[in-house]
Amino acid sequence: MKLYDITLPITNDMPVWPGDQPVSLMMNTSIAKGDDYNMTGIQMGAHTGTHIDAPYHFLEDGATIDAIPIETFIGPCVVIEVDSEVSIEEKDFRKHDLIGHSRVLFKTRNSQLHTFTTSVFTRNYVSLGIDAARYLVEMEVMLVGIDYLSIESFRSTGSPVHKLLLRNNITILEGLNLSGVKAGEYELLCMPLKLQGCEGAPARVILREMGR
């Protein structure tokens, strides 16, 4: 069965959320410079590239990344493609039967904007609307993902979408590259770094075709 790596590569010139720590990959030792081995030093924020938001990101008493059950990150998921230009609303995907789907990934025009091939942060990305977030809560989804660095609008005040989802134990997966993935059902394999006591972590994320 075909595998899709939907993880963004971590590079020195990748976009990060405004104000977040830029990525720095540094060769601390180099064979080319006479050292015995190559060794890279890494500096970056926990929400770099493809990453998980744990409840503690916005809730003082929320679970940290290392406390989320590993079963949350592995299992059947559905990729839903929506054509919204600004915000995903309930009407955009209610026609899709979410009954039985506990992990939902949204593919939007973000996947076609080449937004990850430049270091410039894109502010007009497609995000998730609050009514759509409420619907996901009603459907008892455990994980929701989207194809840019935040599931919430850049212009949002108070982060209501994040807080609603995380308050209802819906883990958020951001920074997906779904450009080569068609809508449909897959198996999600998501491995966030086990950073003790942290509110989020970068992740390697794979989709595997199911029964094709």
Protein backbone atom coordinates (compact mmCIF):
# COMPACT_ATOMS: atom_id res chain seq x y z
CA MET A 1 0.00 0.00 0.00
CA LYS A 2 1.25 3.45 -0.92
CA LEU A 3 2.66 5.74 1.75
CA TYR A 4 2.43 9.55 1.67
CA ASP A 5 4.86 11.59 3.71
CA ILE A 6 2.85 14.73 4.52
CA THR A 7 5.53 16.22 6.77
CA LEU A 8 7.19 19.53 5.96
CA PRO A 9 11.00 19.38 5.78
CA ILE A 10 12.68 21.40 8.52
CA THR A 11 15.07 23.91 6.96
CA ASN A 12 16.79 27.15 7.91
CA ASP A 13 14.63 29.14 5.49
CA MET A 14 11.19 27.65 6.19
CA PRO A 15 8.32 29.93 7.29
CA VAL A 16 7.51 30.19 10.99
CA TRP A 17 4.71 31.93 12.84
CA PRO A 18 5.56 35.63 13.28
CA GLY A 19 7.44 36.02 16.55
CA ASP A 20 8.37 32.35 16.84
CA GLN A 21 11.99 31.30 17.05
CA PRO A 22 13.51 30.88 13.57
CA VAL A 23 14.95 27.49 12.67
CA SER A 24 18.71 27.14 12.96
CA LEU A 25 20.42 23.94 11.83
CA MET A 26 24.13 24.32 12.54
CA MET A 27 27.03 21.96 11.84
CA ASN A 28 28.76 21.86 15.23
CA THR A 29 31.35 19.42 13.94
CA SER A 30 32.14 18.57 10.32
CA ILE A 31 34.23 15.86 8.66
CA ALA A 32 34.90 18.31 5.83
CA LYS A 33 36.53 20.65 8.37
CA GLY A 34 38.69 17.94 9.90
CA ASP A 35 36.45 16.65 12.66
CA ASP A 36 35.93 12.93 13.24
CA TYR A 37 32.19 13.08 12.62
CA ASN A 38 29.32 15.30 11.50
CA MET A 39 27.00 16.61 14.21
CA THR A 40 24.19 19.11 13.82
CA GLY A 41 22.93 21.51 16.48
CA ILE A 42 19.24 22.41 16.32
CA GLN A 43 17.39 25.48 17.55
CA MET A 44 13.68 25.90 16.83
CA GLY A 45 10.30 26.30 18.49
CA ALA A 46 8.01 23.44 19.44
CA HIS A 47 5.49 24.55 16.79
CA THR A 48 7.89 24.41 13.85
CA GLY A 49 6.63 22.98 10.57
CA THR A 50 4.38 19.93 10.91
CA HIS A 51 3.47 19.82 14.59
CA ILE A 52 0.94 18.92 17.25
CA ASP A 53 -0.87 21.38 19.53
CA ALA A 54 -1.63 19.81 22.92
CA PRO A 55 -4.34 21.24 25.22
CA TYR A 56 -1.69 22.93 27.39
CA HIS A 57 -0.94 25.26 24.45
CA PHE A 58 -4.01 27.35 25.35
CA LEU A 59 -5.33 25.81 28.57
CA GLU A 60 -3.40 26.27 31.80
CA ASP A 61 -4.66 22.95 33.15
CA GLY A 62 -4.57 21.15 29.80
CA ALA A 63 -2.65 17.99 29.00
CA THR A 64 0.92 18.31 27.74
CA ILE A 65 2.19 16.59 24.60
CA ASP A 66 3.70 13.65 26.49
CA ALA A 67 0.37 12.98 28.25
CA ILE A 68 -1.71 12.52 25.08
CA PRO A 69 -2.44 8.79 24.49
CA ILE A 70 -0.38 7.44 21.60
CA GLU A 71 -3.57 5.88 20.18
CA THR A 72 -4.70 9.40 19.28
CA PHE A 73 -2.02 9.64 16.61
CA ILE A 74 -2.40 6.26 14.92
CA GLY A 75 -5.45 4.90 13.14
CA PRO A 76 -8.02 5.51 10.41
CA CYS A 77 -8.53 9.08 9.22
CA VAL A 78 -10.34 10.90 6.46
CA VAL A 79 -8.94 13.65 4.23
CA ILE A 80 -11.66 16.14 3.27
CA GLU A 81 -11.01 18.63 0.48
CA VAL A 82 -12.85 21.94 0.73
CA ASP A 83 -12.83 24.85 -1.72
CA SER A 84 -13.34 27.68 0.75
CA GLU A 85 -11.28 30.78 0.03
CA VAL A 86 -11.14 32.11 3.59
CA SER A 87 -12.62 29.95 6.32
CA ILE A 88 -13.85 26.36 6.50
CA GLU A 89 -17.45 26.47 7.70
CA GLU A 90 -19.77 23.68 8.73
CA LYS A 91 -21.62 23.85 5.40
CA ASP A 92 -18.37 23.17 3.53
CA PHE A 93 -18.02 19.65 4.82
CA ARG A 94 -21.31 18.64 6.47
CA LYS A 95 -22.16 16.74 3.27
CA HIS A 96 -19.33 14.40 4.21
CA ASP A 97 -20.36 11.61 6.55
CA LEU A 98 -18.12 11.96 9.58
CA ILE A 99 -19.87 9.26 11.58
CA GLY A 100 -17.21 6.80 12.66
CA HIS A 101 -14.34 9.13 11.66
CA SER A 102 -12.37 10.23 14.70
CA ARG A 103 -9.46 11.82 12.80
CA VAL A 104 -10.14 14.48 10.15
CA LEU A 105 -7.59 16.26 7.94
CA PHE A 106 -8.59 19.28 5.84
CA LYS A 107 -7.05 19.86 2.43
CA THR A 108 -7.60 23.44 1.24
CA ARG A 109 -6.21 25.88 -1.28
CA ASN A 110 -3.30 26.22 1.15
CA SER A 111 -1.88 23.05 -0.39
CA GLN A 112 -1.65 24.73 -3.79
CA LEU A 113 -0.21 28.09 -2.72
CA HIS A 114 3.40 26.91 -2.55
CA THR A 115 3.36 28.56 0.86
CA PHE A 116 6.06 26.26 2.19
CA THR A 117 8.60 26.86 -0.57
CA THR A 118 9.43 30.33 0.71
CA SER A 119 10.46 31.73 4.06
CA VAL A 120 7.70 34.35 3.81
CA PHE A 121 4.81 33.67 6.18
CA THR A 122 1.41 33.73 4.45
CA ARG A 123 -1.30 35.52 6.44
CA ASN A 124 -4.29 34.87 4.16
CA TYR A 125 -4.36 31.10 4.56
CA VAL A 126 -7.60 29.11 4.86
CA SER A 127 -8.50 28.38 8.49
CA LEU A 128 -11.22 26.59 10.43
CA GLY A 129 -14.34 28.56 11.40
CA ILE A 130 -15.85 28.36 14.86
CA ASP A 131 -19.11 26.75 13.68
CA ALA A 132 -17.13 24.03 11.93
CA ALA A 133 -15.13 23.51 15.13
CA ARG A 134 -18.38 23.11 17.08
CA TYR A 135 -19.57 20.52 14.58
CA LEU A 136 -16.34 18.53 15.01
CA VAL A 137 -16.93 18.58 18.76
CA GLU A 138 -20.48 17.29 18.21
CA MET A 139 -19.09 14.48 16.06
CA GLU A 140 -16.66 13.52 18.86
CA VAL A 141 -13.57 13.82 16.67
CA MET A 142 -10.30 13.18 18.54
CA LEU A 143 -7.85 14.79 16.08
CA VAL A 144 -8.15 17.45 13.40
CA GLY A 145 -5.45 18.61 10.98
CA ILE A 146 -4.98 21.35 8.39
CA ASP A 147 -2.50 22.29 5.67
CA TYR A 148 -0.95 25.44 7.13
CA LEU A 149 0.84 26.48 10.31
CA SER A 150 -2.33 27.24 12.25
CA ILE A 151 -5.88 25.95 12.22
CA GLU A 152 -7.06 29.37 13.35
CA SER A 153 -7.27 32.57 11.33
CA PHE A 154 -4.27 34.88 11.64
CA ARG A 155 -6.73 37.67 12.42
CA SER A 156 -8.49 35.76 15.18
CA THR A 157 -8.83 37.40 18.59
CA GLY A 158 -8.66 35.21 21.68
CA SER A 159 -8.04 31.97 19.76
CA PRO A 160 -11.61 30.62 20.15
CA VAL A 161 -11.15 27.74 17.69
CA HIS A 162 -8.03 26.43 19.43
CA LYS A 163 -9.64 26.73 22.85
CA LEU A 164 -12.88 25.04 21.81
CA LEU A 165 -11.12 22.09 20.22
CA LEU A 166 -8.51 21.63 22.93
CA ARG A 167 -11.04 22.06 25.74
CA ASN A 168 -12.91 19.12 24.23
CA ASN A 169 -9.76 16.98 23.98
CA ILE A 170 -9.45 17.34 20.21
CA THR A 171 -5.75 17.25 19.38
CA ILE A 172 -4.68 19.69 16.63
CA LEU A 173 -2.27 18.75 13.85
CA GLU A 174 -0.93 21.72 11.87
CA GLY A 175 1.51 22.31 9.02
CA LEU A 176 0.53 19.38 6.79
CA ASN A 177 1.60 19.06 3.18
CA LEU A 178 -1.42 17.52 1.46
CA SER A 179 -0.58 18.68 -2.06
CA GLY A 180 -0.02 15.12 -3.31
CA VAL A 181 -2.91 13.51 -1.43
CA LYS A 182 -6.43 12.96 -2.73
CA ALA A 183 -9.52 13.17 -0.57
CA GLY A 184 -10.47 9.85 0.96
CA GLU A 185 -9.80 7.42 3.75
CA TYR A 186 -6.30 6.61 4.99
CA GLU A 187 -4.43 5.31 8.00
CA LEU A 188 -2.72 8.09 9.94
CA LEU A 189 0.74 7.47 11.40
CA CYS A 190 1.77 10.52 13.41
CA MET A 191 4.78 10.54 15.73
CA PRO A 192 5.25 13.78 17.72
CA LEU A 193 8.43 14.14 19.73
CA LYS A 194 7.84 13.17 23.36
CA LEU A 195 8.77 16.51 24.90
CA GLN A 196 8.03 16.27 28.59
CA GLY A 197 5.78 18.99 29.96
CA CYS A 198 5.52 20.87 26.65
CA GLU A 199 2.46 22.32 24.95
CA GLY A 200 3.34 20.99 21.50
CA ALA A 201 5.93 19.17 19.43
CA PRO A 202 7.12 18.71 15.85
CA ALA A 203 5.92 15.46 14.28
CA ARG A 204 6.66 13.10 11.41
CA VAL A 205 3.32 12.32 9.74
CA ILE A 206 2.56 9.58 7.22
CA LEU A 207 -0.65 8.55 5.47
CA ARG A 208 -1.09 4.98 4.29
CA GLU A 209 -3.69 4.01 1.71
CA MET A 210 -6.37 1.69 3.03
CA GLY A 211 -7.58 -1.17 0.89
CA ARG A 212 -6.63 0.33 -2.49
